[in-house]
């Protein structure tokens, strides 16, 4: 798929079969996916985790999706996509008035759900911390958690050496801006000199193997002639 696909989704549906199918399908598309069986379960997950989007079934026993949407909108702005067997115009209007971002009638094709999810995610800005920097940098199918200093592809943690980890912290602190080889040497705590700059080049090559689809033609960790290296996120 062409969209960055490392967002964390929450699926809320009381039907175990549908819940499992959606979770497996969206995980195959590269998303991180958690699942809840009802509104109470969803609230517990939302109390401890941050999500980029909630896919929520309307018709659930106990607290239904409409009620949960209204309640969540009092505290969070996380996008909500409602799923329901009731596809009347009045039902869609009720869902949107409750605070949902989109509404998909059942039955639906999984591909349409995927397209709607990506359309919603494209409309929301990257989460930022108090300094104005993004918390997560998307590098194609790879994502870098700035706060934790972790590199992930799907649910797999990509192991970084100490030097690679330090390089990612330096680049993520100023994405889109070149950093000179001399400064990288200094910030890595190395002695100055051409030999150390060449050592940095080697580390950059190794790091590219972990974040680039084609390390020989890097898209995300680019060489800027005369200026050094620059990290460009999606």
Protein backbone atom coordinates (compact mmCIF):
# COMPACT_ATOMS: atom_id res chain seq x y z
CA UNK A 1 0.00 0.00 0.00
CA UNK A 2 1.19 3.48 -0.74
CA UNK A 3 0.27 5.31 2.45
CA UNK A 4 2.48 5.37 5.56
CA UNK A 5 1.03 2.53 7.56
CA UNK A 6 2.40 2.52 11.07
CA UNK A 7 -0.61 4.08 12.78
CA UNK A 8 -2.05 2.39 15.86
CA UNK A 9 -5.73 1.49 15.38
CA UNK A 10 -8.34 0.41 17.92
CA UNK A 11 -11.09 -1.94 16.64
CA UNK A 12 -14.21 -2.04 18.82
CA UNK A 13 -16.79 -4.69 17.86
CA UNK A 14 -18.75 -7.21 19.94
CA UNK A 15 -18.69 -9.75 17.08
CA UNK A 16 -15.56 -11.81 17.70
CA UNK A 17 -15.39 -13.06 14.10
CA UNK A 18 -15.57 -9.57 12.57
CA UNK A 19 -13.19 -8.20 15.17
CA UNK A 20 -10.62 -10.89 14.44
CA UNK A 21 -10.95 -10.58 10.66
CA UNK A 22 -10.52 -6.80 10.75
CA UNK A 23 -7.56 -7.04 13.09
CA UNK A 24 -5.77 -9.57 10.89
CA UNK A 25 -6.55 -7.69 7.66
CA UNK A 26 -5.33 -4.33 8.98
CA UNK A 27 -2.21 -5.86 10.51
CA UNK A 28 -1.38 -7.30 7.11
CA UNK A 29 -1.55 -3.75 5.78
CA UNK A 30 1.16 -2.75 8.25
CA UNK A 31 -0.93 -1.13 10.98
CA UNK A 32 -0.58 -1.75 14.69
CA UNK A 33 -4.01 -2.98 15.78
CA UNK A 34 -5.59 -3.45 19.20
CA UNK A 35 -9.11 -4.83 19.64
CA UNK A 36 -11.87 -4.36 22.21
CA UNK A 37 -15.03 -6.45 22.61
CA UNK A 38 -17.25 -3.66 23.98
CA UNK A 39 -17.30 -0.04 25.15
CA UNK A 40 -16.01 -0.84 28.64
CA UNK A 41 -13.06 -2.79 27.20
CA UNK A 42 -12.36 0.08 24.80
CA UNK A 43 -12.31 2.59 27.65
CA UNK A 44 -9.73 0.52 29.51
CA UNK A 45 -7.46 0.39 26.46
CA UNK A 46 -7.91 4.10 25.78
CA UNK A 47 -7.00 4.82 29.38
CA UNK A 48 -3.53 3.36 28.93
CA UNK A 49 -2.68 3.69 25.23
CA UNK A 50 -2.71 6.35 22.53
CA UNK A 51 -4.40 5.51 19.24
CA UNK A 52 -4.32 7.23 15.87
CA UNK A 53 -7.84 6.12 14.90
CA UNK A 54 -10.78 4.18 16.36
CA UNK A 55 -12.91 1.86 14.19
CA UNK A 56 -16.12 1.52 16.20
CA UNK A 57 -19.20 -0.67 15.69
CA UNK A 58 -22.46 1.14 16.43
CA UNK A 59 -24.67 -1.82 17.37
CA UNK A 60 -23.17 -3.23 20.56
CA UNK A 61 -24.84 -4.56 23.72
CA UNK A 62 -24.62 -2.24 26.69
CA UNK A 63 -23.20 1.14 25.73
CA UNK A 64 -23.54 1.43 21.96
CA UNK A 65 -21.15 3.08 19.52
CA UNK A 66 -23.11 6.33 19.26
CA UNK A 67 -23.09 6.84 23.02
CA UNK A 68 -19.40 5.93 23.28
CA UNK A 69 -18.55 8.37 20.47
CA UNK A 70 -20.35 11.24 22.24
CA UNK A 71 -18.62 10.40 25.50
CA UNK A 72 -15.15 10.14 23.96
CA UNK A 73 -15.56 13.48 22.19
CA UNK A 74 -15.73 15.16 25.60
CA UNK A 75 -12.11 14.17 26.27
CA UNK A 76 -10.23 13.18 23.11
CA UNK A 77 -9.96 14.20 19.46
CA UNK A 78 -8.85 10.79 18.13
CA UNK A 79 -10.57 10.18 14.76
CA UNK A 80 -13.51 7.77 14.89
CA UNK A 81 -14.83 5.68 11.99
CA UNK A 82 -18.25 4.16 12.72
CA UNK A 83 -19.36 0.78 11.33
CA UNK A 84 -23.04 -0.14 11.31
CA UNK A 85 -25.64 -2.27 9.59
CA UNK A 86 -27.93 0.77 9.64
CA UNK A 87 -27.05 2.73 6.51
CA UNK A 88 -29.91 5.23 6.37
CA UNK A 89 -29.06 8.88 5.82
CA UNK A 90 -30.51 9.78 9.22
CA UNK A 91 -28.22 7.24 10.89
CA UNK A 92 -25.16 8.65 9.13
CA UNK A 93 -26.13 12.16 10.19
CA UNK A 94 -26.59 11.01 13.78
CA UNK A 95 -23.13 9.43 13.75
CA UNK A 96 -21.47 12.53 12.35
CA UNK A 97 -23.32 14.76 14.82
CA UNK A 98 -22.10 12.51 17.63
CA UNK A 99 -18.54 13.39 16.60
CA UNK A 100 -17.55 10.61 14.19
CA UNK A 101 -15.19 11.46 11.33
CA UNK A 102 -16.67 8.94 8.89
CA UNK A 103 -19.39 6.32 8.66
CA UNK A 104 -19.22 2.99 6.79
CA UNK A 105 -22.37 0.87 6.37
CA UNK A 106 -22.15 -2.92 6.68
CA UNK A 107 -21.50 -5.05 4.73
CA UNK A 108 -18.41 -3.43 3.26
CA UNK A 109 -15.33 -4.45 1.31
CA UNK A 110 -12.14 -4.49 3.42
CA UNK A 111 -10.44 -2.39 0.74
CA UNK A 112 -13.01 0.37 1.18
CA UNK A 113 -12.39 0.36 4.93
CA UNK A 114 -8.66 0.63 4.24
CA UNK A 115 -9.17 3.57 1.86
CA UNK A 116 -11.35 5.40 4.36
CA UNK A 117 -8.85 4.84 7.17
CA UNK A 118 -6.01 6.20 5.05
CA UNK A 119 -8.14 9.18 3.98
CA UNK A 120 -8.79 10.07 7.62
CA UNK A 121 -5.15 9.62 8.63
CA UNK A 122 -4.03 11.91 5.80
CA UNK A 123 -6.17 14.69 7.23
CA UNK A 124 -4.66 14.68 10.69
CA UNK A 125 -1.28 16.24 11.50
CA UNK A 126 1.53 14.26 13.07
CA UNK A 127 1.39 14.23 16.86
CA UNK A 128 3.86 16.67 18.35
CA UNK A 129 5.35 17.16 21.78
CA UNK A 130 5.65 20.45 23.69
CA UNK A 131 8.76 21.40 21.71
CA UNK A 132 6.80 21.19 18.45
CA UNK A 133 8.65 18.07 17.25
CA UNK A 134 6.81 15.00 15.99
CA UNK A 135 6.62 12.10 18.46
CA UNK A 136 6.79 9.55 15.66
CA UNK A 137 8.62 9.87 12.34
CA UNK A 138 7.30 7.75 9.48
CA UNK A 139 9.91 6.43 7.05
CA UNK A 140 7.82 4.36 4.66
CA UNK A 141 6.94 1.09 6.43
CA UNK A 142 9.40 1.97 9.20
CA UNK A 143 8.63 4.34 12.06
CA UNK A 144 10.88 5.95 14.64
CA UNK A 145 9.51 6.62 18.11
CA UNK A 146 11.35 9.80 19.07
CA UNK A 147 10.56 9.64 22.78
CA UNK A 148 11.64 6.02 23.21
CA UNK A 149 14.43 6.08 20.64
CA UNK A 150 12.99 2.94 19.03
CA UNK A 151 12.83 1.95 15.36
CA UNK A 152 9.92 -0.30 14.35
CA UNK A 153 8.63 -2.03 11.24
CA UNK A 154 5.08 -3.15 11.90
CA UNK A 155 5.25 -4.92 15.25
CA UNK A 156 8.92 -5.84 14.88
CA UNK A 157 11.51 -3.84 16.79
CA UNK A 158 14.56 -3.08 14.64
CA UNK A 159 17.65 -3.37 16.78
CA UNK A 160 20.04 -0.43 16.63
CA UNK A 161 23.65 -0.28 17.76
CA UNK A 162 24.55 2.43 20.27
CA UNK A 163 25.99 4.60 17.49
CA UNK A 164 22.99 4.06 15.20
CA UNK A 165 20.66 4.95 18.06
CA UNK A 166 22.62 8.14 18.73
CA UNK A 167 22.54 9.06 15.04
CA UNK A 168 18.75 8.62 14.90
CA UNK A 169 18.35 10.90 17.93
CA UNK A 170 20.49 13.56 16.28
CA UNK A 171 18.63 13.41 12.96
CA UNK A 172 15.15 13.22 14.51
CA UNK A 173 15.87 16.36 16.55
CA UNK A 174 15.95 18.37 13.30
CA UNK A 175 14.27 16.43 10.49
CA UNK A 176 14.55 18.06 7.09
CA UNK A 177 17.73 19.93 8.04
CA UNK A 178 21.23 18.76 6.99
CA UNK A 179 23.79 17.92 9.67
CA UNK A 180 27.46 18.18 8.72
CA UNK A 181 29.79 15.24 9.06
CA UNK A 182 31.99 17.37 11.34
CA UNK A 183 29.11 18.01 13.71
CA UNK A 184 28.10 14.36 13.69
CA UNK A 185 31.65 13.42 14.66
CA UNK A 186 31.57 15.94 17.52
CA UNK A 187 28.11 14.98 18.76
CA UNK A 188 29.07 11.31 18.70
CA UNK A 189 31.95 12.19 21.01
CA UNK A 190 34.68 11.33 18.51
CA UNK A 191 37.98 13.09 17.89
CA UNK A 192 37.99 15.30 14.82
CA UNK A 193 39.61 14.16 11.62
CA UNK A 194 38.95 12.67 8.21
CA UNK A 195 39.25 9.14 9.56
CA UNK A 196 36.40 9.78 11.98
CA UNK A 197 34.29 11.37 9.24
CA UNK A 198 34.80 8.26 7.14
CA UNK A 199 33.75 6.18 10.15
CA UNK A 200 30.54 8.21 10.32
CA UNK A 201 29.97 7.49 6.62
CA UNK A 202 30.20 3.77 7.40
CA UNK A 203 27.67 4.11 10.23
CA UNK A 204 25.32 6.02 7.93
CA UNK A 205 25.56 3.21 5.37
CA UNK A 206 24.68 0.64 8.03
CA UNK A 207 21.78 2.73 9.31
CA UNK A 208 20.40 3.10 5.80
CA UNK A 209 20.21 -0.69 5.50
CA UNK A 210 17.72 -0.63 8.36
CA UNK A 211 15.47 2.19 7.18
CA UNK A 212 15.74 2.26 3.40
CA UNK A 213 14.09 -0.04 0.85
CA UNK A 214 17.09 0.63 -1.40
CA UNK A 215 20.09 1.79 0.68
CA UNK A 216 22.02 2.66 -2.49
CA UNK A 217 19.33 5.14 -3.48
CA UNK A 218 18.24 6.51 -0.10
CA UNK A 219 14.94 8.31 0.18
CA UNK A 220 14.85 9.07 3.89
CA UNK A 221 18.47 9.44 5.02
CA UNK A 222 19.87 11.55 2.23
CA UNK A 223 23.32 12.90 1.43
CA UNK A 224 23.30 16.66 0.93
CA UNK A 225 26.31 17.60 -1.17
CA UNK A 226 28.61 19.96 0.73
CA UNK A 227 26.30 19.99 3.79
CA UNK A 228 26.28 16.47 5.27
CA UNK A 229 23.32 14.18 5.85
CA UNK A 230 19.61 14.87 6.31
CA UNK A 231 16.66 12.79 7.55
CA UNK A 232 13.44 13.35 5.60
CA UNK A 233 10.30 11.74 7.03
CA UNK A 234 6.96 11.16 5.24
